[in-house]
C-alpha atoms as a PDB file:
ATOM      1  CA  MET A   1      49.040 169.844  14.524  1.00  0.00           C
ATOM      2  CA  ALA A   2      51.484 171.860  12.641  1.00  0.00           C
ATOM      3  CA  ARG A   3      51.064 175.706  13.294  1.00  0.00           C
ATOM      4  CA  PHE A   4      53.225 176.797   9.941  1.00  0.00           C
ATOM      5  CA  PRO A   5      53.315 175.257   6.653  1.00  0.00           C
ATOM      6  CA  PHE A   6      56.516 176.396   5.560  1.00  0.00           C
ATOM      7  CA  GLY A   7      59.564 173.725   6.390  1.00  0.00           C
ATOM      8  CA  ILE A   8      62.921 175.346   6.809  1.00  0.00           C
ATOM      9  CA  PRO A   9      63.428 177.971   3.969  1.00  0.00           C
ATOM     10  CA  ASN A  10      66.977 177.960   1.728  1.00  0.00           C
ATOM     11  CA  SER A  11      68.644 180.308   2.667  1.00  0.00           C
ATOM     12  CA  TRP A  12      72.162 182.187   4.588  1.00  0.00           C
ATOM     13  CA  TYR A  13      71.697 181.891   8.488  1.00  0.00           C
ATOM     14  CA  VAL A  14      73.269 183.423  10.725  1.00  0.00           C
ATOM     15  CA  VAL A  15      75.246 180.025  13.673  1.00  0.00           C
ATOM     16  CA  ALA A  16      77.609 181.724  15.166  1.00  0.00           C
ATOM     17  CA  TYR A  17      80.249 184.465  15.815  1.00  0.00           C
ATOM     18  CA  SER A  18      82.941 184.261  14.851  1.00  0.00           C
ATOM     19  CA  ASP A  19      84.237 185.843  17.835  1.00  0.00           C
ATOM     20  CA  GLU A  20      82.584 183.143  19.182  1.00  0.00           C
ATOM     21  CA  LEU A  21      84.784 180.183  17.138  1.00  0.00           C
ATOM     22  CA  ARG A  22      88.679 179.942  17.919  1.00  0.00           C
ATOM     23  CA  PRO A  23      90.921 177.494  15.533  1.00  0.00           C
ATOM     24  CA  GLY A  24      90.847 174.054  17.089  1.00  0.00           C
ATOM     25  CA  GLU A  25      86.969 174.542  18.732  1.00  0.00           C
ATOM     26  CA  VAL A  26      84.624 172.204  18.287  1.00  0.00           C
ATOM     27  CA  ARG A  27      80.396 173.571  18.565  1.00  0.00           C
ATOM     28  CA  ARG A  28      77.831 170.780  18.122  1.00  0.00           C
ATOM     29  CA  LEU A  29      74.746 172.637  16.313  1.00  0.00           C
ATOM     30  CA  ASP A  30      71.262 171.778  16.580  1.00  0.00           C
ATOM     31  CA  VAL A  31      69.974 173.818  13.570  1.00  0.00           C
ATOM     32  CA  LEU A  32      67.852 173.601  10.470  1.00  0.00           C
ATOM     33  CA  ASP A  33      65.443 170.329  12.561  1.00  0.00           C
ATOM     34  CA  ARG A  34      68.618 167.921  12.444  1.00  0.00           C
ATOM     35  CA  SER A  35      72.081 167.325  14.173  1.00  0.00           C
ATOM     36  CA  LEU A  36      75.207 169.624  12.572  1.00  0.00           C
ATOM     37  CA  VAL A  37      78.458 169.790  13.580  1.00  0.00           C
ATOM     38  CA  LEU A  38      81.009 173.405  13.460  1.00  0.00           C
ATOM     39  CA  PHE A  39      84.769 173.963  13.501  1.00  0.00           C
ATOM     40  CA  ARG A  40      86.646 175.506  12.859  1.00  0.00           C
ATOM     41  CA  GLY A  41      90.953 173.957  11.691  1.00  0.00           C
ATOM     42  CA  GLU A  42      93.872 175.646  12.673  1.00  0.00           C
ATOM     43  CA  SER A  43      93.941 176.786   9.837  1.00  0.00           C
ATOM     44  CA  GLY A  44      91.370 179.414  10.665  1.00  0.00           C
ATOM     45  CA  ILE A  45      88.247 178.238   7.719  1.00  0.00           C
ATOM     46  CA  ALA A  46      85.155 176.730   9.760  1.00  0.00           C
ATOM     47  CA  SER A  47      83.666 174.131   7.925  1.00  0.00           C
ATOM     48  CA  VAL A  48      79.989 172.624   8.546  1.00  0.00           C
ATOM     49  CA  LEU A  49      79.237 168.716   8.836  1.00  0.00           C
ATOM     50  CA  ASP A  50      76.993 166.421   8.779  1.00  0.00           C
ATOM     51  CA  ALA A  51      76.311 165.327  12.506  1.00  0.00           C
ATOM     52  CA  TYR A  52      76.742 161.836  12.146  1.00  0.00           C
ATOM     53  CA  CYS A  53      79.835 159.701  11.687  1.00  0.00           C
ATOM     54  CA  PRO A  54      79.568 157.646   8.008  1.00  0.00           C
ATOM     55  CA  HIS A  55      81.459 155.207  10.016  1.00  0.00           C
ATOM     56  CA  LEU A  56      79.370 154.270  12.713  1.00  0.00           C
ATOM     57  CA  GLY A  57      77.441 156.624  13.214  1.00  0.00           C
ATOM     58  CA  ALA A  58      79.901 158.286  16.171  1.00  0.00           C
ATOM     59  CA  HIS A  59      78.462 161.823  16.561  1.00  0.00           C
ATOM     60  CA  LEU A  60      81.327 164.489  15.721  1.00  0.00           C
ATOM     61  CA  GLY A  61      80.311 167.668  17.974  1.00  0.00           C
ATOM     62  CA  VAL A  62      80.481 165.077  21.507  1.00  0.00           C
ATOM     63  CA  GLY A  63      83.698 164.325  21.898  1.00  0.00           C
ATOM     64  CA  GLY A  64      84.993 165.560  18.492  1.00  0.00           C
ATOM     65  CA  THR A  65      89.034 167.033  18.532  1.00  0.00           C
ATOM     66  CA  VAL A  66      90.139 169.270  15.158  1.00  0.00           C
ATOM     67  CA  GLU A  67      93.431 168.159  13.978  1.00  0.00           C
ATOM     68  CA  GLY A  68      94.956 170.815  11.542  1.00  0.00           C
ATOM     69  CA  ASP A  69      92.020 171.317   9.131  1.00  0.00           C
ATOM     70  CA  THR A  70      90.390 168.027  10.067  1.00  0.00           C
ATOM     71  CA  LEU A  71      87.818 166.837  12.825  1.00  0.00           C
ATOM     72  CA  ARG A  72      88.275 163.383  14.198  1.00  0.00           C
ATOM     73  CA  CYS A  73      86.067 161.451  15.283  1.00  0.00           C
ATOM     74  CA  PRO A  74      85.763 160.016  19.039  1.00  0.00           C
ATOM     75  CA  PHE A  75      84.793 156.723  18.469  1.00  0.00           C
ATOM     76  CA  HIS A  76      87.788 154.409  15.832  1.00  0.00           C
ATOM     77  CA  GLY A  77      89.425 158.228  15.295  1.00  0.00           C
ATOM     78  CA  TRP A  78      88.028 158.586  11.297  1.00  0.00           C
ATOM     79  CA  ARG A  79      89.513 162.129   9.836  1.00  0.00           C
ATOM     80  CA  TRP A  80      87.365 164.422   8.248  1.00  0.00           C
ATOM     81  CA  SER A  81      87.995 167.407   5.690  1.00  0.00           C
ATOM     82  CA  GLY A  82      85.512 170.417   6.168  1.00  0.00           C
ATOM     83  CA  ASP A  83      84.844 169.487   2.304  1.00  0.00           C
ATOM     84  CA  GLY A  84      83.283 166.434   3.175  1.00  0.00           C
ATOM     85  CA  ARG A  85      86.384 163.604   2.283  1.00  0.00           C
ATOM     86  CA  CYS A  86      88.028 161.326   4.788  1.00  0.00           C
ATOM     87  CA  ALA A  87      91.650 162.417   5.344  1.00  0.00           C
ATOM     88  CA  ALA A  88      92.672 159.013   7.652  1.00  0.00           C
ATOM     89  CA  ILE A  89      91.359 156.589   9.217  1.00  0.00           C
ATOM     90  CA  PRO A  90      94.051 154.980  11.646  1.00  0.00           C
ATOM     91  CA  TYR A  91      94.569 151.816  11.931  1.00  0.00           C
ATOM     92  CA  ALA A  92      93.352 151.455   7.361  1.00  0.00           C
ATOM     93  CA  SER A  93      96.080 151.586   4.496  1.00  0.00           C
ATOM     94  CA  ARG A  94      93.167 152.024   2.688  1.00  0.00           C
ATOM     95  CA  ILE A  95      90.900 154.389   2.283  1.00  0.00           C
ATOM     96  CA  PRO A  96      87.437 153.387   1.009  1.00  0.00           C
ATOM     97  CA  GLN A  97      86.096 155.502  -2.025  1.00  0.00           C
ATOM     98  CA  ALA A  98      82.171 156.366  -1.090  1.00  0.00           C
ATOM     99  CA  ALA A  99      83.801 157.734   2.523  1.00  0.00           C
ATOM    100  CA  ARG A 100      82.201 160.943   2.608  1.00  0.00           C
ATOM    101  CA  ILE A 101      80.392 162.888   4.813  1.00  0.00           C
ATOM    102  CA  SER A 102      77.640 165.740   3.876  1.00  0.00           C
ATOM    103  CA  THR A 103      78.704 169.312   4.217  1.00  0.00           C
ATOM    104  CA  TYR A 104      77.220 172.762   4.616  1.00  0.00           C
ATOM    105  CA  PRO A 105      78.538 175.685   2.663  1.00  0.00           C
ATOM    106  CA  VAL A 106      79.813 178.229   5.252  1.00  0.00           C
ATOM    107  CA  VAL A 107      80.593 181.987   4.946  1.00  0.00           C
ATOM    108  CA  GLU A 108      82.181 184.095   6.851  1.00  0.00           C
ATOM    109  CA  ARG A 109      80.702 187.875   7.106  1.00  0.00           C
ATOM    110  CA  ASN A 110      80.314 191.001   9.045  1.00  0.00           C
ATOM    111  CA  GLY A 111      82.067 188.541  11.932  1.00  0.00           C
ATOM    112  CA  MET A 112      79.385 186.046  11.946  1.00  0.00           C
ATOM    113  CA  VAL A 113      79.418 182.615  10.943  1.00  0.00           C
ATOM    114  CA  PHE A 114      76.351 181.648   7.897  1.00  0.00           C
ATOM    115  CA  VAL A 115      76.008 178.289   7.133  1.00  0.00           C
ATOM    116  CA  TRP A 116      73.751 177.972   3.615  1.00  0.00           C
ATOM    117  CA  TYR A 117      70.648 175.578   3.706  1.00  0.00           C
ATOM    118  CA  HIS A 118      68.986 174.456   0.765  1.00  0.00           C
ATOM    119  CA  ALA A 119      66.323 171.275   0.442  1.00  0.00           C
ATOM    120  CA  GLU A 120      67.311 169.650  -2.546  1.00  0.00           C
ATOM    121  CA  GLY A 121      71.285 170.374  -1.527  1.00  0.00           C
ATOM    122  CA  LYS A 122      71.259 173.343  -4.452  1.00  0.00           C
ATOM    123  CA  PRO A 123      74.370 175.583  -4.511  1.00  0.00           C
ATOM    124  CA  PRO A 124      73.826 179.345  -2.765  1.00  0.00           C
ATOM    125  CA  SER A 125      71.612 181.502  -5.660  1.00  0.00           C
ATOM    126  CA  PHE A 126      72.266 185.091  -3.734  1.00  0.00           C
ATOM    127  CA  GLN A 127      75.403 185.520  -0.847  1.00  0.00           C
ATOM    128  CA  ILE A 128      75.402 188.195   1.991  1.00  0.00           C
ATOM    129  CA  PRO A 129      76.461 191.641   1.470  1.00  0.00           C
ATOM    130  CA  ASP A 130      78.228 193.513   3.046  1.00  0.00           C
ATOM    131  CA  VAL A 131      76.881 195.874   6.414  1.00  0.00           C
ATOM    132  CA  ALA A 132      78.165 198.937   6.280  1.00  0.00           C
ATOM    133  CA  GLY A 133      80.210 200.265   9.725  1.00  0.00           C
ATOM    134  CA  TRP A 134      81.936 196.512  10.267  1.00  0.00           C
ATOM    135  CA  GLY A 135      85.249 195.775  11.158  1.00  0.00           C
ATOM    136  CA  GLU A 136      85.325 200.200   9.890  1.00  0.00           C
ATOM    137  CA  THR A 137      87.149 202.935  12.409  1.00  0.00           C
ATOM    138  CA  GLY A 138      85.179 204.703  14.493  1.00  0.00           C
ATOM    139  CA  TRP A 139      82.684 201.720  15.229  1.00  0.00           C
ATOM    140  CA  LEU A 140      82.442 199.702  17.886  1.00  0.00           C
ATOM    141  CA  SER A 141      84.649 196.841  17.162  1.00  0.00           C
ATOM    142  CA  SER A 142      82.351 194.903  17.952  1.00  0.00           C
ATOM    143  CA  TRP A 143      78.427 193.055  17.863  1.00  0.00           C
ATOM    144  CA  LEU A 144      76.350 194.107  21.284  1.00  0.00           C
ATOM    145  CA  ARG A 145      74.265 191.154  21.797  1.00  0.00           C
ATOM    146  CA  TRP A 146      70.562 189.718  22.463  1.00  0.00           C
ATOM    147  CA  GLU A 147      69.465 185.841  21.975  1.00  0.00           C
ATOM    148  CA  TRP A 148      66.345 184.862  21.942  1.00  0.00           C
ATOM    149  CA  THR A 149      65.054 181.517  21.585  1.00  0.00           C
ATOM    150  CA  VAL A 150      60.707 181.771  20.364  1.00  0.00           C
ATOM    151  CA  ARG A 151      58.453 179.323  19.338  1.00  0.00           C
ATOM    152  CA  THR A 152      57.631 180.814  15.292  1.00  0.00           C
ATOM    153  CA  HIS A 153      59.118 180.754  12.094  1.00  0.00           C
ATOM    154  CA  PRO A 154      61.403 182.951   9.730  1.00  0.00           C
ATOM    155  CA  GLN A 155      58.702 183.911   7.561  1.00  0.00           C
ATOM    156  CA  GLU A 156      55.927 185.184  10.299  1.00  0.00           C
ATOM    157  CA  LYS A 157      59.312 186.804  11.783  1.00  0.00           C
ATOM    158  CA  ALA A 158      59.689 188.687   8.828  1.00  0.00           C
ATOM    159  CA  GLU A 159      56.710 189.523   8.447  1.00  0.00           C
ATOM    160  CA  ASN A 160      55.896 190.977  11.452  1.00  0.00           C
ATOM    161  CA  GLY A 161      58.910 194.705  10.540  1.00  0.00           C
ATOM    162  CA  ILE A 162      56.460 195.178   7.782  1.00  0.00           C
ATOM    163  CA  ASP A 163      52.871 194.864   9.324  1.00  0.00           C
ATOM    164  CA  TRP A 164      52.509 199.137  10.389  1.00  0.00           C
ATOM    165  CA  PRO A 165      49.116 198.802  12.057  1.00  0.00           C
ATOM    166  CA  GLN A 166      50.764 196.598  14.834  1.00  0.00           C
ATOM    167  CA  PHE A 167      53.018 198.984  16.022  1.00  0.00           C
ATOM    168  CA  ALA A 168      50.638 201.490  17.966  1.00  0.00           C
ATOM    169  CA  ARG A 169      48.613 197.585  19.311  1.00  0.00           C
ATOM    170  CA  VAL A 170      51.717 195.847  20.375  1.00  0.00           C
ATOM    171  CA  HIS A 171      54.072 198.453  20.728  1.00  0.00           C
ATOM    172  CA  GLN A 172      52.323 201.442  21.936  1.00  0.00           C
ATOM    173  CA  LEU A 173      53.628 204.217  19.483  1.00  0.00           C
ATOM    174  CA  PRO A 174      52.738 205.599  16.409  1.00  0.00           C
ATOM    175  CA  VAL A 175      52.221 203.892  12.839  1.00  0.00           C
ATOM    176  CA  PRO A 176      55.484 205.445  11.292  1.00  0.00           C
ATOM    177  CA  VAL A 177      54.319 208.432   9.234  1.00  0.00           C
ATOM    178  CA  VAL A 178      57.397 207.797   6.889  1.00  0.00           C
ATOM    179  CA  ARG A 179      57.082 203.999   5.780  1.00  0.00           C
ATOM    180  CA  GLY A 180      58.260 201.918   2.839  1.00  0.00           C
ATOM    181  CA  CYS A 181      59.213 198.516   0.942  1.00  0.00           C
ATOM    182  CA  GLU A 182      60.846 197.217  -1.769  1.00  0.00           C
ATOM    183  CA  PHE A 183      60.690 193.545  -2.900  1.00  0.00           C
ATOM    184  CA  ARG A 184      64.369 192.834  -4.539  1.00  0.00           C
ATOM    185  CA  ASP A 185      65.647 189.193  -6.597  1.00  0.00           C
ATOM    186  CA  ASP A 186      66.497 187.877  -3.001  1.00  0.00           C
ATOM    187  CA  SER A 187      66.219 190.744  -0.934  1.00  0.00           C
ATOM    188  CA  PHE A 188      63.280 193.040   0.655  1.00  0.00           C
ATOM    189  CA  VAL A 189      64.525 197.032   1.733  1.00  0.00           C
ATOM    190  CA  TRP A 190      62.580 199.376   3.375  1.00  0.00           C
ATOM    191  CA  GLN A 191      62.207 202.136   5.466  1.00  0.00           C
ATOM    192  CA  VAL A 192      60.083 203.531   9.059  1.00  0.00           C
ATOM    193  CA  GLY A 193      60.689 206.899  10.659  1.00  0.00           C
ATOM    194  CA  GLY A 194      59.126 208.286  13.186  1.00  0.00           C
ATOM    195  CA  SER A 195      59.126 208.921  17.082  1.00  0.00           C
ATOM    196  CA  MET A 196      58.994 206.954  20.401  1.00  0.00           C
ATOM    197  CA  GLU A 197      60.020 207.597  23.905  1.00  0.00           C
ATOM    198  CA  VAL A 198      62.662 206.074  25.991  1.00  0.00           C
ATOM    199  CA  SER A 199      63.690 205.389  30.082  1.00  0.00           C
ATOM    200  CA  THR A 200      66.911 205.976  29.064  1.00  0.00           C
ATOM    201  CA  LEU A 201      66.687 209.062  28.196  1.00  0.00           C
ATOM    202  CA  GLY A 202      65.141 210.703  30.752  1.00  0.00           C
ATOM    203  CA  GLY A 203      61.317 210.442  29.145  1.00  0.00           C
ATOM    204  CA  GLN A 204      62.665 212.036  26.003  1.00  0.00           C
ATOM    205  CA  THR A 205      61.574 211.409  22.532  1.00  0.00           C
ATOM    206  CA  ASP A 206      63.854 209.966  20.995  1.00  0.00           C
ATOM    207  CA  GLN A 207      62.927 210.653  16.678  1.00  0.00           C
ATOM    208  CA  LEU A 208      64.185 207.662  14.789  1.00  0.00           C
ATOM    209  CA  THR A 209      64.827 206.846  10.853  1.00  0.00           C
ATOM    210  CA  MET A 210      65.696 203.281   9.893  1.00  0.00           C
ATOM    211  CA  HIS A 211      66.845 201.873   7.107  1.00  0.00           C
ATOM    212  CA  GLY A 212      66.896 197.561   6.425  1.00  0.00           C
ATOM    213  CA  GLU A 213      67.282 194.625   4.089  1.00  0.00           C
ATOM    214  CA  ASN A 214      66.592 191.396   4.538  1.00  0.00           C
ATOM    215  CA  TRP A 215      68.648 188.792   3.060  1.00  0.00           C
ATOM    216  CA  GLY A 216      66.539 186.066   1.669  1.00  0.00           C
ATOM    217  CA  MET A 217      64.722 184.607   5.586  1.00  0.00           C
ATOM    218  CA  GLY A 218      67.818 184.419   7.808  1.00  0.00           C
ATOM    219  CA  PHE A 219      69.463 187.332   8.085  1.00  0.00           C
ATOM    220  CA  SER A 220      68.339 191.199   8.614  1.00  0.00           C
ATOM    221  CA  TRP A 221      70.405 194.379   9.023  1.00  0.00           C
ATOM    222  CA  LEU A 222      69.171 197.735   9.356  1.00  0.00           C
ATOM    223  CA  ARG A 223      70.450 201.438  10.428  1.00  0.00           C
ATOM    224  CA  GLN A 224      69.077 203.090  13.102  1.00  0.00           C
ATOM    225  CA  ARG A 225      69.279 206.910  14.182  1.00  0.00           C
ATOM    226  CA  GLY A 226      67.613 208.149  16.966  1.00  0.00           C
ATOM    227  CA  THR A 227      70.590 209.241  19.428  1.00  0.00           C
ATOM    228  CA  PHE A 228      72.852 207.154  19.148  1.00  0.00           C
ATOM    229  CA  ASP A 229      73.628 206.273  14.406  1.00  0.00           C
ATOM    230  CA  THR A 230      73.836 202.221  15.343  1.00  0.00           C
ATOM    231  CA  VAL A 231      73.582 199.026  12.670  1.00  0.00           C
ATOM    232  CA  VAL A 232      70.855 196.394  14.430  1.00  0.00           C
ATOM    233  CA  ALA A 233      72.007 193.029  12.556  1.00  0.00           C
ATOM    234  CA  THR A 234      69.518 190.219  12.790  1.00  0.00           C
ATOM    235  CA  GLY A 235      70.149 186.834  12.414  1.00  0.00           C
ATOM    236  CA  LEU A 236      67.316 184.369  12.260  1.00  0.00           C
ATOM    237  CA  THR A 237      67.849 180.833  12.181  1.00  0.00           C
ATOM    238  CA  PRO A 238      65.527 178.015  12.632  1.00  0.00           C
ATOM    239  CA  ILE A 239      65.787 175.088  15.070  1.00  0.00           C
ATOM    240  CA  ASP A 240      63.042 172.972  13.940  1.00  0.00           C
ATOM    241  CA  GLY A 241      60.077 174.302  11.196  1.00  0.00           C
ATOM    242  CA  GLU A 242      58.043 176.033  14.177  1.00  0.00           C
ATOM    243  CA  THR A 243      61.379 177.043  16.548  1.00  0.00           C
ATOM    244  CA  THR A 244      63.674 179.818  16.154  1.00  0.00           C
ATOM    245  CA  LEU A 245      66.951 181.227  17.008  1.00  0.00           C
ATOM    246  CA  VAL A 246      66.828 185.328  16.684  1.00  0.00           C
ATOM    247  CA  ARG A 247      70.087 185.998  17.180  1.00  0.00           C
ATOM    248  CA  MET A 248      70.623 190.209  18.335  1.00  0.00           C
ATOM    249  CA  GLY A 249      74.055 192.250  16.989  1.00  0.00           C
ATOM    250  CA  VAL A 250      74.513 196.738  17.480  1.00  0.00           C
ATOM    251  CA  ILE A 251      77.721 198.504  16.859  1.00  0.00           C
ATOM    252  CA  ALA A 252      77.387 202.034  16.555  1.00  0.00           C
ATOM    253  CA  TRP A 253      78.973 204.521  15.651  1.00  0.00           C
ATOM    254  CA  ILE A 254      81.176 206.424  18.211  1.00  0.00           C
ATOM    255  CA  GLY A 255      83.402 208.274  17.118  1.00  0.00           C
ATOM    256  CA  ASP A 256      86.793 209.372  18.680  1.00  0.00           C
ATOM    257  CA  GLN A 257      85.367 208.081  22.079  1.00  0.00           C
ATOM    258  CA  ASP A 258      87.313 205.072  24.387  1.00  0.00           C
ATOM    259  CA  GLU A 259      85.332 202.196  23.385  1.00  0.00           C
ATOM    260  CA  VAL A 260      85.889 200.806  26.931  1.00  0.00           C
ATOM    261  CA  ASP A 261      83.944 204.285  28.307  1.00  0.00           C
ATOM    262  CA  VAL A 262      81.095 204.454  25.511  1.00  0.00           C
ATOM    263  CA  ARG A 263      80.040 200.598  25.217  1.00  0.00           C
ATOM    264  CA  GLU A 264      77.680 200.112  28.474  1.00  0.00           C
ATOM    265  CA  GLU A 265      75.932 203.250  27.910  1.00  0.00           C
ATOM    266  CA  ILE A 266      75.556 202.484  24.147  1.00  0.00           C
ATOM    267  CA  ARG A 267      74.528 198.303  25.273  1.00  0.00           C
ATOM    268  CA  ALA A 268      71.758 200.189  28.078  1.00  0.00           C
ATOM    269  CA  TYR A 269      69.913 202.374  25.263  1.00  0.00           C
ATOM    270  CA  MET A 270      69.566 200.017  22.938  1.00  0.00           C
ATOM    271  CA  ALA A 271      68.445 197.144  25.747  1.00  0.00           C
ATOM    272  CA  GLU A 272      65.214 199.626  25.831  1.00  0.00           C
ATOM    273  CA  HIS A 273      65.037 199.550  22.208  1.00  0.00           C
ATOM    274  CA  ALA A 274      65.604 195.209  22.372  1.00  0.00           C
ATOM    275  CA  VAL A 275      62.293 195.794  24.635  1.00  0.00           C
ATOM    276  CA  PHE A 276      60.152 195.981  21.588  1.00  0.00           C
ATOM    277  CA  ALA A 277      61.415 192.377  20.337  1.00  0.00           C
ATOM    278  CA  GLU A 278      60.121 190.794  23.681  1.00  0.00           C
ATOM    279  CA  GLN A 279      56.876 192.527  23.186  1.00  0.00           C
ATOM    280  CA  ASP A 280      56.149 190.260  20.663  1.00  0.00           C
ATOM    281  CA  LEU A 281      57.076 187.437  21.981  1.00  0.00           C
ATOM    282  CA  PRO A 282      53.408 186.607  23.314  1.00  0.00           C
ATOM    283  CA  ILE A 283      52.609 186.648  19.472  1.00  0.00           C
ATOM    284  CA  TRP A 284      54.875 185.143  17.782  1.00  0.00           C
ATOM    285  CA  GLU A 285      54.540 181.461  20.038  1.00  0.00           C
ATOM    286  CA  ASN A 286      50.226 181.787  20.381  1.00  0.00           C
ATOM    287  CA  LYS A 287      49.740 182.889  16.139  1.00  0.00           C
ATOM    288  CA  LYS A 288      48.116 180.362  13.634  1.00  0.00           C
ATOM    289  CA  PHE A 289      49.518 180.835  10.185  1.00  0.00           C
ATOM    290  CA  ARG A 290      47.122 182.171   8.003  1.00  0.00           C
ATOM    291  CA  ALA A 291      47.331 180.904   4.608  1.00  0.00           C
ATOM    292  CA  ARG A 292      44.383 183.717   3.278  1.00  0.00           C
ATOM    293  CA  PRO A 293      44.375 186.102   5.517  1.00  0.00           C
ATOM    294  CA  GLY A 294      40.974 189.102   5.261  1.00  0.00           C
ATOM    295  CA  LEU A 295      43.700 192.061   4.771  1.00  0.00           C
ATOM    296  CA  CYS A 296      42.139 195.561   4.256  1.00  0.00           C
ATOM    297  CA  GLU A 297      43.918 197.925   2.204  1.00  0.00           C
ATOM    298  CA  ASP A 298      45.866 199.727   4.831  1.00  0.00           C
ATOM    299  CA  ASP A 299      48.013 196.850   6.563  1.00  0.00           C
ATOM    300  CA  GLY A 300      50.960 197.315   5.306  1.00  0.00           C
ATOM    301  CA  PRO A 301      52.472 195.371   2.269  1.00  0.00           C
ATOM    302  CA  ILE A 302      51.717 191.072   3.712  1.00  0.00           C
ATOM    303  CA  ALA A 303      50.917 190.307   0.737  1.00  0.00           C
ATOM    304  CA  ASP A 304      53.468 191.545  -1.393  1.00  0.00           C
ATOM    305  CA  TYR A 305      56.459 189.878   0.880  1.00  0.00           C
ATOM    306  CA  ARG A 306      54.256 186.409   1.529  1.00  0.00           C
ATOM    307  CA  ARG A 307      54.940 186.490  -2.557  1.00  0.00           C
ATOM    308  CA  TRP A 308      58.269 187.615  -2.561  1.00  0.00           C
ATOM    309  CA  ALA A 309      59.159 184.770   0.741  1.00  0.00           C
ATOM    310  CA  ALA A 310      57.820 181.620  -1.687  1.00  0.00           C
ATOM    311  CA  GLN A 311      61.160 181.634  -3.569  1.00  0.00           C
ATOM    312  CA  PHE A 312      62.742 180.270  -0.991  1.00  0.00           C
ATOM    313  CA  TYR A 313      60.944 176.660  -0.513  1.00  0.00           C
ATOM    314  CA  SER A 314      61.351 173.979  -2.107  1.00  0.00           C
ATOM    315  CA  PRO A 315      58.760 172.329  -4.540  1.00  0.00           C
ATOM    316  CA  ALA A 316      58.865 169.676  -2.780  1.00  0.00           C
ATOM    317  CA  ALA A 317      59.453 171.075   1.276  1.00  0.00           C
ATOM    318  CA  ALA A 318      56.281 173.275   0.013  1.00  0.00           C
ATOM    319  CA  ALA A 319      54.475 170.640  -0.609  1.00  0.00           C
ATOM    320  CA  GLY A 320      55.076 168.090   2.241  1.00  0.00           C
ATOM    321  CA  GLU A 321      57.027 165.251   0.531  1.00  0.00           C
END
C-alpha cells in the first residue's frame, strides 16, 4: 500500500543545474513518474520532451543527438524541435501532419533548469522568482552542491521545515526562539532564529537567523545569516510518488575575497549544516502520511501548510484516477 496518497504535485521542478548542460548535450530524465529527455540546442535553449519517439518508440535520451536546435532520433533519424514539431525526416518528402511529441515548459533561472509539470497538461500558474545573491557581485559565482535520493514525497519534506518541535528531538537543537510562517497564493514565507554548535567553528555556538520562501511544491530558497551569509536553494523533484531527488545548492557572500581561497572553507561550514538534513532521512524514509494527524496546539502551522499544499493537486490525481 502506498505511504503517500498525493500523486505528483503540479509545480516547477529542478532537473539540472544550467552549467551541467552544454549546447549540443542530451540528458535522460527519469523523473515525475515518467521518462523524459532534456537537451540544449546549439542556440543555447533547453527543452524537455517525452523520451519516446512517436514514430516507433525509440528512447531519444539513449543515442539521440542534437542537430541545430532539434533532437535527432537514434532509430530512424527523425528530428524533433523543442516545441514538439517534427522538423525533418531524412528519407521522406513530406512530414505527417500528426507527427508531434509531448513537450514540457522549461525555464532557466538562478543557474538552474526547471520543468513544469501539470497532471492535466495546463500551463504554469506561477513563476520561479529570482533568488537574491545569485549572479550578483560579491557572491560565489556558482552553487556548492549536495544531493540525496530519498524515499519520501516533496510535501512531506517541505512540511518538515515548519515542524518546530522536531528541531529539539531530531537535531538536538533548541526550538527556534523566533519563528513564523505566512501562507500566500503560490508560496509561503517563513523565518526562524536560534543557535547551534558547529564543529568547524571549534565548538563555538553559531547564532543563526533564517528567512525562507517555498514556491510550489518543488523549490525553496532561504537566506541564512550566521558565521557566513549564505543562500540555500533546494529543489525537490519527484522521481515517482514515493521517491524524491533533493538538490541543495549554496552560495555565500564573499565580498572582495578571492573565490578560490574561500570556497572550500564555505563548503566545509555548510557541510555541517547538510548533516541536519541527513538526520531526518531515517524518519522520512520510514514514516507514513497521516491524513488526520493528532496535532496539539504547539505543533506549529502543519494544518495551515496542508491546506495551502492542497492547491497543487488536480482533482483526478487526488482521487487516484
